[in-house]
Amino acid sequence: MLWWRGHELYRDMPWRSDIRPYYVLVSELMLQQTQVTRVVPKFNAFIERFPNERVLADADLSDVLVQWQGLGYNRRAKFLHDAAKMITTRFKGAFPEAESDILALPGVGENTAGAIGAYAFNKPRIFVETNVRTVYIHHFFEDDNVVNDSAIRTLLASTIDTEHPREFYWALMDYGAWLKANGIRTNSRSKHYIKQSPLEGSVRQVRGKIISALANDPKLPVATLHKRVAGDNRFDLALSGLERDGLVSVRAGYVRLTK
């Protein structure tokens, strides 16, 4: 059934038509907290500007952050920039294939590493994300109110197509997306699912406004920046957080995107 559904519901994506590991890494970090429809055009523009790890590693972080605009969660851009640097230095420009080495890349956790292993290297890695949860909870845990990822991993290990793991996960992703689009949303029953907090009124919203303002004007006085983003009592928290994360620098009363 899954193979039939996967073929019927297949979604063409640039990181599927070209499965080089760098493309998969970029797509996986972009897809964290962001829908596919928003990612595709940003992915294409990003790859056009930074076509490989070397070009990305040699770029200023400020350029990467400008290119990242519209995706939010700007720390992901820094993780990607740092990962490119690691690939070009520690791994001598060769994208690592061993799972432990992939896990060493900044911004890459267990599930992202599993996705890279499956999609880029066709390895039967076991990983769980929202679409995987949707499919397995819907079909195997209909009567359970709380489902642990470990239980899903156990089922994945016994059901994965070990000869064609890449296509297996593509089918899972597309079927899971179809289920959600048709009103079957099971992630609230996952023990590990965390609903994204509202953007409106959050410090995250002001962080994004600060980065957007600096993308258009790379050096601004703190007071001007505060006014430009209509800063309120969230401004200081947002600015200090961005500085702590290494995304901006504050010197002599001016704010800049980190080079």
C-alpha atoms as a PDB file:
ATOM      1  CA  MET A   1       0.000   0.000   0.000  1.00  0.00           C
ATOM      2  CA  LEU A   2       2.766   2.453   0.909  1.00  0.00           C
ATOM      3  CA  TRP A   3       4.560   1.978  -2.406  1.00  0.00           C
ATOM      4  CA  TRP A   4       1.353   2.504  -4.343  1.00  0.00           C
ATOM      5  CA  ARG A   5       0.527   5.603  -2.311  1.00  0.00           C
ATOM      6  CA  GLY A   6       4.046   6.891  -2.634  1.00  0.00           C
ATOM      7  CA  HIS A   7       3.970   6.580  -6.394  1.00  0.00           C
ATOM      8  CA  GLU A   8       0.534   8.190  -6.618  1.00  0.00           C
ATOM      9  CA  LEU A   9       1.383  11.076  -4.281  1.00  0.00           C
ATOM     10  CA  TYR A  10       5.018  11.644  -5.284  1.00  0.00           C
ATOM     11  CA  ARG A  11       6.122  15.270  -4.968  1.00  0.00           C
ATOM     12  CA  ASP A  12       8.947  16.467  -7.176  1.00  0.00           C
ATOM     13  CA  MET A  13      11.520  18.485  -5.232  1.00  0.00           C
ATOM     14  CA  PRO A  14      14.950  19.789  -6.280  1.00  0.00           C
ATOM     15  CA  TRP A  15      16.734  17.828  -3.539  1.00  0.00           C
ATOM     16  CA  ARG A  16      15.074  14.649  -4.805  1.00  0.00           C
ATOM     17  CA  SER A  17      15.997  15.137  -8.449  1.00  0.00           C
ATOM     18  CA  ASP A  18      19.587  15.855  -7.344  1.00  0.00           C
ATOM     19  CA  ILE A  19      20.487  13.874  -4.230  1.00  0.00           C
ATOM     20  CA  ARG A  20      24.015  15.128  -3.641  1.00  0.00           C
ATOM     21  CA  PRO A  21      24.608  15.274   0.139  1.00  0.00           C
ATOM     22  CA  TYR A  22      25.058  19.053   0.221  1.00  0.00           C
ATOM     23  CA  TYR A  23      21.621  19.556  -1.340  1.00  0.00           C
ATOM     24  CA  VAL A  24      20.078  17.158   1.152  1.00  0.00           C
ATOM     25  CA  LEU A  25      21.755  18.949   4.075  1.00  0.00           C
ATOM     26  CA  VAL A  26      20.517  22.351   2.911  1.00  0.00           C
ATOM     27  CA  SER A  27      16.990  21.048   2.378  1.00  0.00           C
ATOM     28  CA  GLU A  28      16.827  19.261   5.731  1.00  0.00           C
ATOM     29  CA  LEU A  29      17.867  22.352   7.684  1.00  0.00           C
ATOM     30  CA  MET A  30      15.477  24.534   5.699  1.00  0.00           C
ATOM     31  CA  LEU A  31      12.605  22.098   6.255  1.00  0.00           C
ATOM     32  CA  GLN A  32      12.937  22.266  10.022  1.00  0.00           C
ATOM     33  CA  GLN A  33       9.850  24.263  11.102  1.00  0.00           C
ATOM     34  CA  THR A  34       9.140  25.339   7.493  1.00  0.00           C
ATOM     35  CA  GLN A  35       6.707  23.929   4.921  1.00  0.00           C
ATOM     36  CA  VAL A  36       7.878  22.466   1.626  1.00  0.00           C
ATOM     37  CA  THR A  37       6.054  25.058  -0.483  1.00  0.00           C
ATOM     38  CA  ARG A  38       7.980  27.862   1.203  1.00  0.00           C
ATOM     39  CA  VAL A  39      11.285  26.015   1.103  1.00  0.00           C
ATOM     40  CA  VAL A  40      11.457  25.143  -2.611  1.00  0.00           C
ATOM     41  CA  PRO A  41      11.965  28.686  -3.982  1.00  0.00           C
ATOM     42  CA  LYS A  42      14.317  29.599  -1.120  1.00  0.00           C
ATOM     43  CA  PHE A  43      16.290  26.404  -1.695  1.00  0.00           C
ATOM     44  CA  ASN A  44      16.686  27.144  -5.406  1.00  0.00           C
ATOM     45  CA  ALA A  45      17.851  30.713  -4.724  1.00  0.00           C
ATOM     46  CA  PHE A  46      20.218  29.543  -1.978  1.00  0.00           C
ATOM     47  CA  ILE A  47      21.820  26.894  -4.186  1.00  0.00           C
ATOM     48  CA  GLU A  48      22.211  29.376  -7.009  1.00  0.00           C
ATOM     49  CA  ARG A  49      24.108  31.693  -4.645  1.00  0.00           C
ATOM     50  CA  PHE A  50      25.997  28.965  -2.732  1.00  0.00           C
ATOM     51  CA  PRO A  51      26.226  25.960  -5.117  1.00  0.00           C
ATOM     52  CA  ASN A  52      28.498  23.850  -2.901  1.00  0.00           C
ATOM     53  CA  GLU A  53      30.087  23.600   0.520  1.00  0.00           C
ATOM     54  CA  ARG A  54      33.232  25.491  -0.479  1.00  0.00           C
ATOM     55  CA  VAL A  55      31.364  28.529  -1.779  1.00  0.00           C
ATOM     56  CA  LEU A  56      29.151  28.581   1.311  1.00  0.00           C
ATOM     57  CA  ALA A  57      32.086  28.202   3.689  1.00  0.00           C
ATOM     58  CA  ASP A  58      33.968  31.061   2.009  1.00  0.00           C
ATOM     59  CA  ALA A  59      30.981  33.428   2.180  1.00  0.00           C
ATOM     60  CA  ASP A  60      30.415  35.915   4.987  1.00  0.00           C
ATOM     61  CA  LEU A  61      27.741  34.848   7.453  1.00  0.00           C
ATOM     62  CA  SER A  62      26.017  38.166   6.758  1.00  0.00           C
ATOM     63  CA  ASP A  63      25.570  37.140   3.111  1.00  0.00           C
ATOM     64  CA  VAL A  64      24.139  33.793   4.202  1.00  0.00           C
ATOM     65  CA  LEU A  65      21.691  35.484   6.568  1.00  0.00           C
ATOM     66  CA  VAL A  66      20.542  37.830   3.806  1.00  0.00           C
ATOM     67  CA  GLN A  67      19.911  34.860   1.511  1.00  0.00           C
ATOM     68  CA  TRP A  68      18.063  33.089   4.320  1.00  0.00           C
ATOM     69  CA  GLN A  69      15.493  35.861   4.699  1.00  0.00           C
ATOM     70  CA  GLY A  70      11.913  34.604   4.630  1.00  0.00           C
ATOM     71  CA  LEU A  71      12.636  31.252   6.271  1.00  0.00           C
ATOM     72  CA  GLY A  72      12.883  32.373   9.906  1.00  0.00           C
ATOM     73  CA  TYR A  73      14.781  30.634  12.703  1.00  0.00           C
ATOM     74  CA  ASN A  74      17.979  32.278  11.488  1.00  0.00           C
ATOM     75  CA  ARG A  75      20.211  30.126  13.682  1.00  0.00           C
ATOM     76  CA  ARG A  76      19.692  27.433  11.065  1.00  0.00           C
ATOM     77  CA  ALA A  77      21.569  29.608   8.564  1.00  0.00           C
ATOM     78  CA  LYS A  78      24.531  29.855  10.926  1.00  0.00           C
ATOM     79  CA  PHE A  79      24.439  26.104  11.566  1.00  0.00           C
ATOM     80  CA  LEU A  80      24.533  25.516   7.814  1.00  0.00           C
ATOM     81  CA  HIS A  81      27.394  27.981   7.361  1.00  0.00           C
ATOM     82  CA  ASP A  82      29.350  26.326  10.180  1.00  0.00           C
ATOM     83  CA  ALA A  83      28.611  22.859   8.765  1.00  0.00           C
ATOM     84  CA  ALA A  84      30.026  23.911   5.392  1.00  0.00           C
ATOM     85  CA  LYS A  85      33.167  25.141   7.117  1.00  0.00           C
ATOM     86  CA  MET A  86      33.549  21.830   8.932  1.00  0.00           C
ATOM     87  CA  ILE A  87      33.102  19.841   5.728  1.00  0.00           C
ATOM     88  CA  THR A  88      35.771  21.874   3.935  1.00  0.00           C
ATOM     89  CA  THR A  89      38.276  21.726   6.819  1.00  0.00           C
ATOM     90  CA  ARG A  90      37.787  18.692   9.058  1.00  0.00           C
ATOM     91  CA  PHE A  91      36.525  16.478   6.238  1.00  0.00           C
ATOM     92  CA  LYS A  92      38.790  17.941   3.513  1.00  0.00           C
ATOM     93  CA  GLY A  93      35.857  18.929   1.312  1.00  0.00           C
ATOM     94  CA  ALA A  94      34.303  15.445   1.182  1.00  0.00           C
ATOM     95  CA  PHE A  95      30.834  15.216   2.675  1.00  0.00           C
ATOM     96  CA  PRO A  96      31.019  12.647   5.504  1.00  0.00           C
ATOM     97  CA  GLU A  97      29.107   9.405   5.083  1.00  0.00           C
ATOM     98  CA  ALA A  98      29.555   7.815   8.512  1.00  0.00           C
ATOM     99  CA  GLU A  99      26.594   8.562  10.766  1.00  0.00           C
ATOM    100  CA  SER A 100      28.848   9.685  13.634  1.00  0.00           C
ATOM    101  CA  ASP A 101      30.549  12.203  11.348  1.00  0.00           C
ATOM    102  CA  ILE A 102      27.252  13.507  10.003  1.00  0.00           C
ATOM    103  CA  LEU A 103      26.072  13.948  13.595  1.00  0.00           C
ATOM    104  CA  ALA A 104      29.153  16.100  14.253  1.00  0.00           C
ATOM    105  CA  LEU A 105      27.917  18.721  11.782  1.00  0.00           C
ATOM    106  CA  PRO A 106      26.433  21.811  13.475  1.00  0.00           C
ATOM    107  CA  GLY A 107      22.648  21.824  13.540  1.00  0.00           C
ATOM    108  CA  VAL A 108      22.402  18.118  12.757  1.00  0.00           C
ATOM    109  CA  GLY A 109      20.660  15.940  15.306  1.00  0.00           C
ATOM    110  CA  GLU A 110      19.798  12.256  15.290  1.00  0.00           C
ATOM    111  CA  ASN A 111      16.786  12.523  13.008  1.00  0.00           C
ATOM    112  CA  THR A 112      18.426  14.936  10.558  1.00  0.00           C
ATOM    113  CA  ALA A 113      21.479  12.678  10.386  1.00  0.00           C
ATOM    114  CA  GLY A 114      19.193   9.729   9.668  1.00  0.00           C
ATOM    115  CA  ALA A 115      17.455  11.647   6.901  1.00  0.00           C
ATOM    116  CA  ILE A 116      20.772  12.589   5.293  1.00  0.00           C
ATOM    117  CA  GLY A 117      21.944   8.982   5.493  1.00  0.00           C
ATOM    118  CA  ALA A 118      18.759   7.709   3.856  1.00  0.00           C
ATOM    119  CA  TYR A 119      18.296  10.377   1.184  1.00  0.00           C
ATOM    120  CA  ALA A 120      21.906  11.127   0.221  1.00  0.00           C
ATOM    121  CA  PHE A 121      23.494   7.699   0.723  1.00  0.00           C
ATOM    122  CA  ASN A 122      20.492   5.336   0.503  1.00  0.00           C
ATOM    123  CA  LYS A 123      21.285   3.861   3.915  1.00  0.00           C
ATOM    124  CA  PRO A 124      18.476   2.208   5.921  1.00  0.00           C
ATOM    125  CA  ARG A 125      18.682   4.711   8.768  1.00  0.00           C
ATOM    126  CA  ILE A 126      15.877   4.948  11.283  1.00  0.00           C
ATOM    127  CA  PHE A 127      14.575   8.465  11.912  1.00  0.00           C
ATOM    128  CA  VAL A 128      11.311  10.047  12.967  1.00  0.00           C
ATOM    129  CA  GLU A 129       9.760  13.350  11.915  1.00  0.00           C
ATOM    130  CA  THR A 130       6.227  14.700  11.742  1.00  0.00           C
ATOM    131  CA  ASN A 131       5.103  12.886   8.575  1.00  0.00           C
ATOM    132  CA  VAL A 132       6.587   9.606   9.777  1.00  0.00           C
ATOM    133  CA  ARG A 133       4.734  10.025  13.062  1.00  0.00           C
ATOM    134  CA  THR A 134       1.496  10.774  11.233  1.00  0.00           C
ATOM    135  CA  VAL A 135       1.645   7.577   9.173  1.00  0.00           C
ATOM    136  CA  TYR A 136       2.696   5.223  11.952  1.00  0.00           C
ATOM    137  CA  ILE A 137       0.423   6.616  14.653  1.00  0.00           C
ATOM    138  CA  HIS A 138      -2.523   6.534  12.243  1.00  0.00           C
ATOM    139  CA  HIS A 139      -1.964   2.923  11.190  1.00  0.00           C
ATOM    140  CA  PHE A 140      -0.428   1.282  14.259  1.00  0.00           C
ATOM    141  CA  PHE A 141      -1.447   3.292  17.339  1.00  0.00           C
ATOM    142  CA  GLU A 142      -5.081   4.138  16.690  1.00  0.00           C
ATOM    143  CA  ASP A 143      -6.102   3.503  20.303  1.00  0.00           C
ATOM    144  CA  ASP A 144      -3.090   5.098  22.019  1.00  0.00           C
ATOM    145  CA  ASN A 145      -3.267   8.621  23.414  1.00  0.00           C
ATOM    146  CA  VAL A 146       0.477   8.986  23.964  1.00  0.00           C
ATOM    147  CA  VAL A 147       2.970   7.433  21.558  1.00  0.00           C
ATOM    148  CA  ASN A 148       6.707   7.378  22.206  1.00  0.00           C
ATOM    149  CA  ASP A 149       9.123   7.783  19.304  1.00  0.00           C
ATOM    150  CA  SER A 150      10.937   4.670  20.488  1.00  0.00           C
ATOM    151  CA  ALA A 151       7.848   2.611  19.640  1.00  0.00           C
ATOM    152  CA  ILE A 152       7.714   4.169  16.186  1.00  0.00           C
ATOM    153  CA  ARG A 153      11.423   3.493  15.700  1.00  0.00           C
ATOM    154  CA  THR A 154      10.896  -0.158  16.569  1.00  0.00           C
ATOM    155  CA  LEU A 155       8.159  -0.443  13.932  1.00  0.00           C
ATOM    156  CA  LEU A 156      10.256   1.452  11.391  1.00  0.00           C
ATOM    157  CA  ALA A 157      13.135  -0.958  11.910  1.00  0.00           C
ATOM    158  CA  SER A 158      10.840  -3.900  11.130  1.00  0.00           C
ATOM    159  CA  THR A 159       9.034  -2.319   8.168  1.00  0.00           C
ATOM    160  CA  ILE A 160      11.643  -0.226   6.351  1.00  0.00           C
ATOM    161  CA  ASP A 161      12.609  -1.338   2.851  1.00  0.00           C
ATOM    162  CA  THR A 162      16.304  -1.927   3.476  1.00  0.00           C
ATOM    163  CA  GLU A 163      17.059  -2.184  -0.246  1.00  0.00           C
ATOM    164  CA  HIS A 164      15.323   1.068  -1.195  1.00  0.00           C
ATOM    165  CA  PRO A 165      15.304   3.234   1.957  1.00  0.00           C
ATOM    166  CA  ARG A 166      15.451   6.493   0.014  1.00  0.00           C
ATOM    167  CA  GLU A 167      12.263   5.769  -1.929  1.00  0.00           C
ATOM    168  CA  PHE A 168      10.670   4.257   1.183  1.00  0.00           C
ATOM    169  CA  TYR A 169      11.063   7.515   3.112  1.00  0.00           C
ATOM    170  CA  TRP A 170       9.968   9.606   0.142  1.00  0.00           C
ATOM    171  CA  ALA A 171       6.774   7.560   0.076  1.00  0.00           C
ATOM    172  CA  LEU A 172       6.336   7.990   3.839  1.00  0.00           C
ATOM    173  CA  MET A 173       6.820  11.750   3.594  1.00  0.00           C
ATOM    174  CA  ASP A 174       4.342  12.173   0.753  1.00  0.00           C
ATOM    175  CA  TYR A 175       1.729   9.876   2.257  1.00  0.00           C
ATOM    176  CA  GLY A 176       2.081  11.561   5.652  1.00  0.00           C
ATOM    177  CA  ALA A 177       1.689  14.998   4.063  1.00  0.00           C
ATOM    178  CA  TRP A 178      -1.426  13.747   2.240  1.00  0.00           C
ATOM    179  CA  LEU A 179      -2.923  12.397   5.461  1.00  0.00           C
ATOM    180  CA  LYS A 180      -2.425  15.733   7.219  1.00  0.00           C
ATOM    181  CA  ALA A 181      -3.872  17.653   4.267  1.00  0.00           C
ATOM    182  CA  ASN A 182      -6.942  15.437   4.536  1.00  0.00           C
ATOM    183  CA  GLY A 183      -7.543  16.120   8.201  1.00  0.00           C
ATOM    184  CA  ILE A 184      -5.686  13.209   9.773  1.00  0.00           C
ATOM    185  CA  ARG A 185      -3.432  14.898  12.299  1.00  0.00           C
ATOM    186  CA  THR A 186      -2.026  12.548  14.891  1.00  0.00           C
ATOM    187  CA  ASN A 187       1.079  14.367  16.128  1.00  0.00           C
ATOM    188  CA  SER A 188      -0.770  15.718  19.170  1.00  0.00           C
ATOM    189  CA  ARG A 189      -0.681  12.128  20.423  1.00  0.00           C
ATOM    190  CA  SER A 190       3.094  11.967  20.087  1.00  0.00           C
ATOM    191  CA  LYS A 191       5.017  12.259  23.333  1.00  0.00           C
ATOM    192  CA  HIS A 192       7.755  14.154  21.496  1.00  0.00           C
ATOM    193  CA  TYR A 193       5.744  16.528  19.335  1.00  0.00           C
ATOM    194  CA  ILE A 194       6.148  20.190  20.274  1.00  0.00           C
ATOM    195  CA  LYS A 195       3.718  22.611  18.707  1.00  0.00           C
ATOM    196  CA  GLN A 196       5.367  25.671  17.251  1.00  0.00           C
ATOM    197  CA  SER A 197       4.652  28.723  19.382  1.00  0.00           C
ATOM    198  CA  PRO A 198       2.782  31.650  17.765  1.00  0.00           C
ATOM    199  CA  LEU A 199       5.030  34.149  15.998  1.00  0.00           C
ATOM    200  CA  GLU A 200       2.883  37.185  16.763  1.00  0.00           C
ATOM    201  CA  GLY A 201       3.947  38.838  20.000  1.00  0.00           C
ATOM    202  CA  SER A 202       7.026  36.653  20.463  1.00  0.00           C
ATOM    203  CA  VAL A 203      10.685  37.549  20.919  1.00  0.00           C
ATOM    204  CA  ARG A 204      11.288  35.392  17.850  1.00  0.00           C
ATOM    205  CA  GLN A 205       9.206  37.839  15.821  1.00  0.00           C
ATOM    206  CA  VAL A 206      11.436  40.768  16.860  1.00  0.00           C
ATOM    207  CA  ARG A 207      14.568  38.715  16.172  1.00  0.00           C
ATOM    208  CA  GLY A 208      13.352  38.189  12.627  1.00  0.00           C
ATOM    209  CA  LYS A 209      12.567  41.885  12.206  1.00  0.00           C
ATOM    210  CA  ILE A 210      16.056  42.822  13.381  1.00  0.00           C
ATOM    211  CA  ILE A 211      17.710  40.461  10.916  1.00  0.00           C
ATOM    212  CA  SER A 212      15.468  41.721   8.105  1.00  0.00           C
ATOM    213  CA  ALA A 213      16.307  45.342   8.894  1.00  0.00           C
ATOM    214  CA  LEU A 214      20.037  44.613   8.910  1.00  0.00           C
ATOM    215  CA  ALA A 215      19.745  42.653   5.672  1.00  0.00           C
ATOM    216  CA  ASN A 216      18.575  45.881   4.024  1.00  0.00           C
ATOM    217  CA  ASP A 217      20.974  48.157   5.909  1.00  0.00           C
ATOM    218  CA  PRO A 218      24.026  46.307   7.240  1.00  0.00           C
ATOM    219  CA  LYS A 219      24.969  48.884   9.904  1.00  0.00           C
ATOM    220  CA  LEU A 220      22.454  50.680  12.083  1.00  0.00           C
ATOM    221  CA  PRO A 221      22.602  52.586  15.367  1.00  0.00           C
ATOM    222  CA  VAL A 222      20.854  50.704  18.146  1.00  0.00           C
ATOM    223  CA  ALA A 223      18.277  53.483  18.579  1.00  0.00           C
ATOM    224  CA  THR A 224      17.519  53.566  14.850  1.00  0.00           C
ATOM    225  CA  LEU A 225      17.188  49.807  14.719  1.00  0.00           C
ATOM    226  CA  HIS A 226      14.853  49.884  17.730  1.00  0.00           C
ATOM    227  CA  LYS A 227      12.625  52.408  15.976  1.00  0.00           C
ATOM    228  CA  ARG A 228      12.771  50.621  12.631  1.00  0.00           C
ATOM    229  CA  VAL A 229      11.507  47.328  14.037  1.00  0.00           C
ATOM    230  CA  ALA A 230       8.940  49.085  16.222  1.00  0.00           C
ATOM    231  CA  GLY A 231      10.738  47.593  19.178  1.00  0.00           C
ATOM    232  CA  ASP A 232       9.009  47.173  22.513  1.00  0.00           C
ATOM    233  CA  ASN A 233      10.133  45.437  25.664  1.00  0.00           C
ATOM    234  CA  ARG A 234      11.116  42.418  23.558  1.00  0.00           C
ATOM    235  CA  PHE A 235      13.823  44.339  21.711  1.00  0.00           C
ATOM    236  CA  ASP A 236      16.622  44.000  24.253  1.00  0.00           C
ATOM    237  CA  LEU A 237      15.949  40.284  24.707  1.00  0.00           C
ATOM    238  CA  ALA A 238      15.898  39.752  20.953  1.00  0.00           C
ATOM    239  CA  LEU A 239      19.065  41.737  20.314  1.00  0.00           C
ATOM    240  CA  SER A 240      21.034  40.134  23.138  1.00  0.00           C
ATOM    241  CA  GLY A 241      19.903  36.702  21.977  1.00  0.00           C
ATOM    242  CA  LEU A 242      21.023  37.359  18.404  1.00  0.00           C
ATOM    243  CA  GLU A 243      24.391  38.577  19.672  1.00  0.00           C
ATOM    244  CA  ARG A 244      24.762  35.540  21.908  1.00  0.00           C
ATOM    245  CA  ASP A 245      23.981  33.262  18.955  1.00  0.00           C
ATOM    246  CA  GLY A 246      26.650  34.968  16.877  1.00  0.00           C
ATOM    247  CA  LEU A 247      24.229  36.386  14.319  1.00  0.00           C
ATOM    248  CA  VAL A 248      24.853  40.074  15.013  1.00  0.00           C
ATOM    249  CA  SER A 249      27.592  42.142  16.602  1.00  0.00           C
ATOM    250  CA  VAL A 250      27.038  45.264  18.705  1.00  0.00           C
ATOM    251  CA  ARG A 251      29.933  47.718  18.802  1.00  0.00           C
ATOM    252  CA  ALA A 252      30.086  51.397  19.781  1.00  0.00           C
ATOM    253  CA  GLY A 253      26.327  51.771  19.630  1.00  0.00           C
ATOM    254  CA  TYR A 254      25.968  50.161  16.182  1.00  0.00           C
ATOM    255  CA  VAL A 255      24.518  46.780  15.210  1.00  0.00           C
ATOM    256  CA  ARG A 256      25.785  44.744  12.238  1.00  0.00           C
ATOM    257  CA  LEU A 257      25.172  41.306  10.858  1.00  0.00           C
ATOM    258  CA  THR A 258      28.088  39.104  11.824  1.00  0.00           C
ATOM    259  CA  LYS A 259      30.671  38.741   9.076  1.00  0.00           C
END
